[in-house]
Amino acid sequence: MTFDTILIIYPEGDHREVDRHLRLNELVDINGFPVSLPLESAKTIVYRVYRKSSTDTNNGPIIRYYLEQLTIDETAAISRR
């Protein structure tokens, strides 16, 4: 029996295991959960999924989702004013 290992990779190179698959261009919080729009504040840390890769191992596939942090201008555009 194999299990998918799902990781999110932060811009700094750190990674964290999550329990759900993400979509490309999905906006997520620091824990990998989808954010609800509009944002409460432009100072909210929001990431966009920009790349996905997978590697097969003996214990099952490892799926990596790479994140990029939105700039303050981008978060201001999707936040309440």
PDB file of N, CA and C in Angstrom:
ATOM      1  N   MET A   1       0.851  -1.182   0.000  1.00  0.00           N
ATOM      2  CA  MET A   1       0.000   0.000   0.000  1.00  0.00           C
ATOM      3  C   MET A   1       0.892   1.239   0.000  1.00  0.00           C
ATOM      4  N   THR A   2       0.563   2.187  -0.849  1.00  0.00           N
ATOM      5  CA  THR A   2       1.341   3.417  -0.934  1.00  0.00           C
ATOM      6  C   THR A   2       0.456   4.613  -0.611  1.00  0.00           C
ATOM      7  N   PHE A   3       1.095   5.641  -0.130  1.00  0.00           N
ATOM      8  CA  PHE A   3       0.405   6.877   0.210  1.00  0.00           C
ATOM      9  C   PHE A   3       1.090   8.037  -0.480  1.00  0.00           C
ATOM     10  N   ASP A   4       0.302   9.009  -0.908  1.00  0.00           N
ATOM     11  CA  ASP A   4       0.873  10.230  -1.469  1.00  0.00           C
ATOM     12  C   ASP A   4       1.440  11.081  -0.343  1.00  0.00           C
ATOM     13  N   THR A   5       2.650  11.563  -0.523  1.00  0.00           N
ATOM     14  CA  THR A   5       3.214  12.552   0.370  1.00  0.00           C
ATOM     15  C   THR A   5       3.102  13.885  -0.356  1.00  0.00           C
ATOM     16  N   ILE A   6       2.386  14.825   0.250  1.00  0.00           N
ATOM     17  CA  ILE A   6       2.135  16.112  -0.396  1.00  0.00           C
ATOM     18  C   ILE A   6       2.874  17.190   0.384  1.00  0.00           C
ATOM     19  N   LEU A   7       3.739  17.915  -0.303  1.00  0.00           N
ATOM     20  CA  LEU A   7       4.542  18.961   0.334  1.00  0.00           C
ATOM     21  C   LEU A   7       4.262  20.300  -0.327  1.00  0.00           C
ATOM     22  N   ILE A   8       4.294  21.354   0.483  1.00  0.00           N
ATOM     23  CA  ILE A   8       4.331  22.698  -0.069  1.00  0.00           C
ATOM     24  C   ILE A   8       5.743  23.227   0.166  1.00  0.00           C
ATOM     25  N   ILE A   9       6.287  23.861  -0.855  1.00  0.00           N
ATOM     26  CA  ILE A   9       7.650  24.386  -0.801  1.00  0.00           C
ATOM     27  C   ILE A   9       7.552  25.913  -0.804  1.00  0.00           C
ATOM     28  N   TYR A  10       8.011  26.533   0.263  1.00  0.00           N
ATOM     29  CA  TYR A  10       7.975  27.987   0.394  1.00  0.00           C
ATOM     30  C   TYR A  10       9.091  28.631  -0.426  1.00  0.00           C
ATOM     31  N   PRO A  11       8.980  29.915  -0.730  1.00  0.00           N
ATOM     32  CA  PRO A  11      10.012  30.597  -1.536  1.00  0.00           C
ATOM     33  C   PRO A  11      11.421  30.494  -0.947  1.00  0.00           C
ATOM     34  N   GLU A  12      11.528  30.410   0.371  1.00  0.00           N
ATOM     35  CA  GLU A  12      12.841  30.337   1.016  1.00  0.00           C
ATOM     36  C   GLU A  12      13.450  28.947   0.925  1.00  0.00           C
ATOM     37  N   GLY A  13      12.662  27.942   0.472  1.00  0.00           N
ATOM     38  CA  GLY A  13      13.149  26.574   0.375  1.00  0.00           C
ATOM     39  C   GLY A  13      12.642  25.662   1.478  1.00  0.00           C
ATOM     40  N   ASP A  14      12.038  26.229   2.518  1.00  0.00           N
ATOM     41  CA  ASP A  14      11.456  25.401   3.579  1.00  0.00           C
ATOM     42  C   ASP A  14      10.280  24.624   3.000  1.00  0.00           C
ATOM     43  N   HIS A  15       9.939  23.515   3.636  1.00  0.00           N
ATOM     44  CA  HIS A  15       8.796  22.741   3.168  1.00  0.00           C
ATOM     45  C   HIS A  15       7.960  22.258   4.339  1.00  0.00           C
ATOM     46  N   ARG A  16       6.742  21.886   4.014  1.00  0.00           N
ATOM     47  CA  ARG A  16       5.794  21.433   5.022  1.00  0.00           C
ATOM     48  C   ARG A  16       4.862  20.416   4.370  1.00  0.00           C
ATOM     49  N   GLU A  17       4.543  19.361   5.094  1.00  0.00           N
ATOM     50  CA  GLU A  17       3.617  18.361   4.575  1.00  0.00           C
ATOM     51  C   GLU A  17       2.180  18.821   4.819  1.00  0.00           C
ATOM     52  N   VAL A  18       1.339  18.664   3.819  1.00  0.00           N
ATOM     53  CA  VAL A  18      -0.073  19.021   3.925  1.00  0.00           C
ATOM     54  C   VAL A  18      -0.905  17.789   3.562  1.00  0.00           C
ATOM     55  N   ASP A  19      -2.199  17.857   3.850  1.00  0.00           N
ATOM     56  CA  ASP A  19      -3.046  16.682   3.637  1.00  0.00           C
ATOM     57  C   ASP A  19      -4.004  16.807   2.464  1.00  0.00           C
ATOM     58  N   ARG A  20      -3.773  17.781   1.605  1.00  0.00           N
ATOM     59  CA  ARG A  20      -4.662  17.924   0.449  1.00  0.00           C
ATOM     60  C   ARG A  20      -3.874  18.389  -0.772  1.00  0.00           C
ATOM     61  N   HIS A  21      -4.420  18.068  -1.943  1.00  0.00           N
ATOM     62  CA  HIS A  21      -3.818  18.518  -3.190  1.00  0.00           C
ATOM     63  C   HIS A  21      -4.206  19.970  -3.447  1.00  0.00           C
ATOM     64  N   LEU A  22      -3.326  20.707  -4.093  1.00  0.00           N
ATOM     65  CA  LEU A  22      -3.562  22.103  -4.445  1.00  0.00           C
ATOM     66  C   LEU A  22      -3.720  22.217  -5.954  1.00  0.00           C
ATOM     67  N   ARG A  23      -4.181  23.362  -6.400  1.00  0.00           N
ATOM     68  CA  ARG A  23      -4.316  23.640  -7.827  1.00  0.00           C
ATOM     69  C   ARG A  23      -3.325  24.738  -8.217  1.00  0.00           C
ATOM     70  N   LEU A  24      -2.880  24.718  -9.447  1.00  0.00           N
ATOM     71  CA  LEU A  24      -2.022  25.794  -9.935  1.00  0.00           C
ATOM     72  C   LEU A  24      -2.786  27.107  -9.879  1.00  0.00           C
ATOM     73  N   ASN A  25      -2.112  28.171  -9.502  1.00  0.00           N
ATOM     74  CA  ASN A  25      -2.661  29.526  -9.349  1.00  0.00           C
ATOM     75  C   ASN A  25      -3.624  29.659  -8.176  1.00  0.00           C
ATOM     76  N   GLU A  26      -3.763  28.641  -7.359  1.00  0.00           N
ATOM     77  CA  GLU A  26      -4.607  28.745  -6.166  1.00  0.00           C
ATOM     78  C   GLU A  26      -3.918  29.645  -5.145  1.00  0.00           C
ATOM     79  N   LEU A  27      -4.694  30.469  -4.452  1.00  0.00           N
ATOM     80  CA  LEU A  27      -4.161  31.334  -3.402  1.00  0.00           C
ATOM     81  C   LEU A  27      -4.362  30.633  -2.070  1.00  0.00           C
ATOM     82  N   VAL A  28      -3.263  30.518  -1.313  1.00  0.00           N
ATOM     83  CA  VAL A  28      -3.302  29.796  -0.044  1.00  0.00           C
ATOM     84  C   VAL A  28      -2.642  30.622   1.050  1.00  0.00           C
ATOM     85  N   ASP A  29      -2.957  30.271   2.297  1.00  0.00           N
ATOM     86  CA  ASP A  29      -2.313  30.932   3.430  1.00  0.00           C
ATOM     87  C   ASP A  29      -1.004  30.217   3.760  1.00  0.00           C
ATOM     88  N   ILE A  30      -0.395  30.597   4.852  1.00  0.00           N
ATOM     89  CA  ILE A  30       0.915  30.057   5.219  1.00  0.00           C
ATOM     90  C   ILE A  30       0.868  28.565   5.555  1.00  0.00           C
ATOM     91  N   ASN A  31      -0.333  28.048   5.847  1.00  0.00           N
ATOM     92  CA  ASN A  31      -0.498  26.632   6.169  1.00  0.00           C
ATOM     93  C   ASN A  31      -0.967  25.803   4.982  1.00  0.00           C
ATOM     94  N   GLY A  32      -1.155  26.422   3.832  1.00  0.00           N
ATOM     95  CA  GLY A  32      -1.562  25.700   2.645  1.00  0.00           C
ATOM     96  C   GLY A  32      -3.063  25.595   2.451  1.00  0.00           C
ATOM     97  N   PHE A  33      -3.834  26.314   3.258  1.00  0.00           N
ATOM     98  CA  PHE A  33      -5.287  26.310   3.118  1.00  0.00           C
ATOM     99  C   PHE A  33      -5.723  27.448   2.191  1.00  0.00           C
ATOM    100  N   PRO A  34      -6.788  27.242   1.420  1.00  0.00           N
ATOM    101  CA  PRO A  34      -7.243  28.312   0.521  1.00  0.00           C
ATOM    102  C   PRO A  34      -7.677  29.547   1.302  1.00  0.00           C
ATOM    103  N   VAL A  35      -7.412  30.706   0.742  1.00  0.00           N
ATOM    104  CA  VAL A  35      -7.834  31.956   1.383  1.00  0.00           C
ATOM    105  C   VAL A  35      -9.194  32.357   0.814  1.00  0.00           C
ATOM    106  N   SER A  36      -9.979  33.002   1.648  1.00  0.00           N
ATOM    107  CA  SER A  36     -11.271  33.499   1.179  1.00  0.00           C
ATOM    108  C   SER A  36     -11.104  34.959   0.775  1.00  0.00           C
ATOM    109  N   LEU A  37     -11.684  35.273  -0.352  1.00  0.00           N
ATOM    110  CA  LEU A  37     -11.578  36.627  -0.893  1.00  0.00           C
ATOM    111  C   LEU A  37     -12.861  37.386  -0.647  1.00  0.00           C
ATOM    112  N   PRO A  38     -12.841  38.668  -0.440  1.00  0.00           N
ATOM    113  CA  PRO A  38     -11.653  39.520  -0.371  1.00  0.00           C
ATOM    114  C   PRO A  38     -10.923  39.329   0.963  1.00  0.00           C
ATOM    115  N   LEU A  39      -9.646  39.640   0.962  1.00  0.00           N
ATOM    116  CA  LEU A  39      -8.834  39.535   2.173  1.00  0.00           C
ATOM    117  C   LEU A  39      -9.257  40.604   3.173  1.00  0.00           C
ATOM    118  N   GLU A  40      -9.108  40.302   4.437  1.00  0.00           N
ATOM    119  CA  GLU A  40      -9.427  41.273   5.485  1.00  0.00           C
ATOM    120  C   GLU A  40      -8.464  42.450   5.483  1.00  0.00           C
ATOM    121  N   SER A  41      -7.205  42.166   5.131  1.00  0.00           N
ATOM    122  CA  SER A  41      -6.181  43.208   5.168  1.00  0.00           C
ATOM    123  C   SER A  41      -5.177  42.984   4.043  1.00  0.00           C
ATOM    124  N   ALA A  42      -4.602  44.052   3.566  1.00  0.00           N
ATOM    125  CA  ALA A  42      -3.561  43.942   2.539  1.00  0.00           C
ATOM    126  C   ALA A  42      -2.265  43.396   3.128  1.00  0.00           C
ATOM    127  N   LYS A  43      -2.170  43.348   4.446  1.00  0.00           N
ATOM    128  CA  LYS A  43      -0.962  42.859   5.110  1.00  0.00           C
ATOM    129  C   LYS A  43      -1.001  41.360   5.354  1.00  0.00           C
ATOM    130  N   THR A  44      -2.016  40.685   4.864  1.00  0.00           N
ATOM    131  CA  THR A  44      -2.136  39.241   5.006  1.00  0.00           C
ATOM    132  C   THR A  44      -1.083  38.553   4.146  1.00  0.00           C
ATOM    133  N   ILE A  45      -0.436  37.522   4.692  1.00  0.00           N
ATOM    134  CA  ILE A  45       0.542  36.758   3.923  1.00  0.00           C
ATOM    135  C   ILE A  45      -0.212  35.747   3.066  1.00  0.00           C
ATOM    136  N   VAL A  46      -0.047  35.880   1.753  1.00  0.00           N
ATOM    137  CA  VAL A  46      -0.744  35.012   0.809  1.00  0.00           C
ATOM    138  C   VAL A  46       0.270  34.474  -0.197  1.00  0.00           C
ATOM    139  N   TYR A  47       0.115  33.195  -0.511  1.00  0.00           N
ATOM    140  CA  TYR A  47       0.982  32.554  -1.487  1.00  0.00           C
ATOM    141  C   TYR A  47       0.156  32.082  -2.683  1.00  0.00           C
ATOM    142  N   ARG A  48       0.795  32.025  -3.840  1.00  0.00           N
ATOM    143  CA  ARG A  48       0.187  31.483  -5.057  1.00  0.00           C
ATOM    144  C   ARG A  48       0.958  30.219  -5.429  1.00  0.00           C
ATOM    145  N   VAL A  49       0.235  29.160  -5.784  1.00  0.00           N
ATOM    146  CA  VAL A  49       0.852  27.928  -6.257  1.00  0.00           C
ATOM    147  C   VAL A  49       1.261  28.162  -7.716  1.00  0.00           C
ATOM    148  N   TYR A  50       2.549  28.075  -7.998  1.00  0.00           N
ATOM    149  CA  TYR A  50       2.997  28.362  -9.358  1.00  0.00           C
ATOM    150  C   TYR A  50       3.619  27.166 -10.069  1.00  0.00           C
ATOM    151  N   ARG A  51       3.881  26.087  -9.343  1.00  0.00           N
ATOM    152  CA  ARG A  51       4.522  24.934  -9.975  1.00  0.00           C
ATOM    153  C   ARG A  51       4.207  23.672  -9.200  1.00  0.00           C
ATOM    154  N   LYS A  52       4.139  22.557  -9.906  1.00  0.00           N
ATOM    155  CA  LYS A  52       3.899  21.262  -9.288  1.00  0.00           C
ATOM    156  C   LYS A  52       4.902  20.271  -9.863  1.00  0.00           C
ATOM    157  N   SER A  53       5.471  19.426  -8.996  1.00  0.00           N
ATOM    158  CA  SER A  53       6.344  18.358  -9.476  1.00  0.00           C
ATOM    159  C   SER A  53       6.079  17.113  -8.649  1.00  0.00           C
ATOM    160  N   SER A  54       6.416  15.964  -9.197  1.00  0.00           N
ATOM    161  CA  SER A  54       6.220  14.716  -8.454  1.00  0.00           C
ATOM    162  C   SER A  54       7.402  13.791  -8.696  1.00  0.00           C
ATOM    163  N   THR A  55       7.675  12.974  -7.699  1.00  0.00           N
ATOM    164  CA  THR A  55       8.740  11.989  -7.733  1.00  0.00           C
ATOM    165  C   THR A  55       8.176  10.681  -7.206  1.00  0.00           C
ATOM    166  N   ASP A  56       8.449   9.587  -7.906  1.00  0.00           N
ATOM    167  CA  ASP A  56       8.019   8.275  -7.420  1.00  0.00           C
ATOM    168  C   ASP A  56       9.115   7.664  -6.565  1.00  0.00           C
ATOM    169  N   THR A  57       8.699   7.142  -5.399  1.00  0.00           N
ATOM    170  CA  THR A  57       9.623   6.453  -4.504  1.00  0.00           C
ATOM    171  C   THR A  57       9.031   5.092  -4.165  1.00  0.00           C
ATOM    172  N   ASN A  58       9.783   4.289  -3.437  1.00  0.00           N
ATOM    173  CA  ASN A  58       9.281   2.972  -3.029  1.00  0.00           C
ATOM    174  C   ASN A  58       8.087   3.093  -2.094  1.00  0.00           C
ATOM    175  N   ASN A  59       8.019   4.149  -1.329  1.00  0.00           N
ATOM    176  CA  ASN A  59       6.916   4.346  -0.380  1.00  0.00           C
ATOM    177  C   ASN A  59       5.728   5.071  -0.984  1.00  0.00           C
ATOM    178  N   GLY A  60       5.818   5.444  -2.244  1.00  0.00           N
ATOM    179  CA  GLY A  60       4.729   6.161  -2.901  1.00  0.00           C
ATOM    180  C   GLY A  60       5.209   7.475  -3.462  1.00  0.00           C
ATOM    181  N   PRO A  61       4.357   8.134  -4.212  1.00  0.00           N
ATOM    182  CA  PRO A  61       4.766   9.390  -4.848  1.00  0.00           C
ATOM    183  C   PRO A  61       4.907  10.533  -3.848  1.00  0.00           C
ATOM    184  N   ILE A  62       5.843  11.418  -4.139  1.00  0.00           N
ATOM    185  CA  ILE A  62       5.998  12.667  -3.391  1.00  0.00           C
ATOM    186  C   ILE A  62       5.601  13.783  -4.342  1.00  0.00           C
ATOM    187  N   ILE A  63       4.573  14.520  -3.981  1.00  0.00           N
ATOM    188  CA  ILE A  63       4.066  15.604  -4.811  1.00  0.00           C
ATOM    189  C   ILE A  63       4.440  16.913  -4.143  1.00  0.00           C
ATOM    190  N   ARG A  64       5.101  17.793  -4.902  1.00  0.00           N
ATOM    191  CA  ARG A  64       5.552  19.071  -4.368  1.00  0.00           C
ATOM    192  C   ARG A  64       4.821  20.213  -5.070  1.00  0.00           C
ATOM    193  N   TYR A  65       4.298  21.118  -4.270  1.00  0.00           N
ATOM    194  CA  TYR A  65       3.675  22.330  -4.792  1.00  0.00           C
ATOM    195  C   TYR A  65       4.544  23.507  -4.366  1.00  0.00           C
ATOM    196  N   TYR A  66       5.017  24.268  -5.336  1.00  0.00           N
ATOM    197  CA  TYR A  66       5.903  25.395  -5.069  1.00  0.00           C
ATOM    198  C   TYR A  66       5.077  26.671  -4.954  1.00  0.00           C
ATOM    199  N   LEU A  67       5.379  27.470  -3.941  1.00  0.00           N
ATOM    200  CA  LEU A  67       4.629  28.687  -3.648  1.00  0.00           C
ATOM    201  C   LEU A  67       5.469  29.922  -3.917  1.00  0.00           C
ATOM    202  N   GLU A  68       4.795  30.980  -4.327  1.00  0.00           N
ATOM    203  CA  GLU A  68       5.426  32.292  -4.415  1.00  0.00           C
ATOM    204  C   GLU A  68       4.562  33.252  -3.607  1.00  0.00           C
ATOM    205  N   GLN A  69       5.209  34.138  -2.869  1.00  0.00           N
ATOM    206  CA  GLN A  69       4.469  35.082  -2.029  1.00  0.00           C
ATOM    207  C   GLN A  69       3.997  36.260  -2.854  1.00  0.00           C
ATOM    208  N   LEU A  70       2.739  36.653  -2.631  1.00  0.00           N
ATOM    209  CA  LEU A  70       2.200  37.821  -3.313  1.00  0.00           C
ATOM    210  C   LEU A  70       2.802  39.084  -2.721  1.00  0.00           C
ATOM    211  N   THR A  71       2.976  40.096  -3.540  1.00  0.00           N
ATOM    212  CA  THR A  71       3.500  41.372  -3.074  1.00  0.00           C
ATOM    213  C   THR A  71       2.393  42.156  -2.359  1.00  0.00           C
ATOM    214  N   ILE A  72       2.774  43.211  -1.683  1.00  0.00           N
ATOM    215  CA  ILE A  72       1.799  44.047  -0.982  1.00  0.00           C
ATOM    216  C   ILE A  72       0.810  44.668  -1.968  1.00  0.00           C
ATOM    217  N   ASP A  73       1.260  45.009  -3.160  1.00  0.00           N
ATOM    218  CA  ASP A  73       0.360  45.570  -4.177  1.00  0.00           C
ATOM    219  C   ASP A  73      -0.663  44.527  -4.640  1.00  0.00           C
ATOM    220  N   GLU A  74      -0.216  43.289  -4.788  1.00  0.00           N
ATOM    221  CA  GLU A  74      -1.131  42.226  -5.208  1.00  0.00           C
ATOM    222  C   GLU A  74      -2.162  41.915  -4.131  1.00  0.00           C
ATOM    223  N   THR A  75      -1.725  41.887  -2.862  1.00  0.00           N
ATOM    224  CA  THR A  75      -2.685  41.608  -1.797  1.00  0.00           C
ATOM    225  C   THR A  75      -3.629  42.792  -1.590  1.00  0.00           C
ATOM    226  N   ALA A  76      -3.145  44.002  -1.810  1.00  0.00           N
ATOM    227  CA  ALA A  76      -4.024  45.187  -1.695  1.00  0.00           C
ATOM    228  C   ALA A  76      -5.118  45.135  -2.756  1.00  0.00           C
ATOM    229  N   ALA A  77      -4.794  44.624  -3.934  1.00  0.00           N
ATOM    230  CA  ALA A  77      -5.779  44.555  -5.013  1.00  0.00           C
ATOM    231  C   ALA A  77      -6.902  43.574  -4.720  1.00  0.00           C
ATOM    232  N   ILE A  78      -6.661  42.576  -3.862  1.00  0.00           N
ATOM    233  CA  ILE A  78      -7.700  41.587  -3.561  1.00  0.00           C
ATOM    234  C   ILE A  78      -8.214  41.694  -2.124  1.00  0.00           C
ATOM    235  N   SER A  79      -7.936  42.810  -1.484  1.00  0.00           N
ATOM    236  CA  SER A  79      -8.401  42.989  -0.097  1.00  0.00           C
ATOM    237  C   SER A  79      -9.512  44.025  -0.031  1.00  0.00           C
ATOM    238  N   ARG A  80     -10.201  44.036   1.120  1.00  0.00           N
ATOM    239  CA  ARG A  80     -11.218  45.062   1.349  1.00  0.00           C
ATOM    240  C   ARG A  80     -10.525  46.395   1.526  1.00  0.00           C
ATOM    241  N   ARG A  81     -11.110  47.411   1.038  1.00  0.00           N
ATOM    242  CA  ARG A  81     -10.469  48.729   1.115  1.00  0.00           C
ATOM    243  C   ARG A  81     -10.983  49.513   2.272  1.00  0.00           C
TER     244      ARG A  81
END
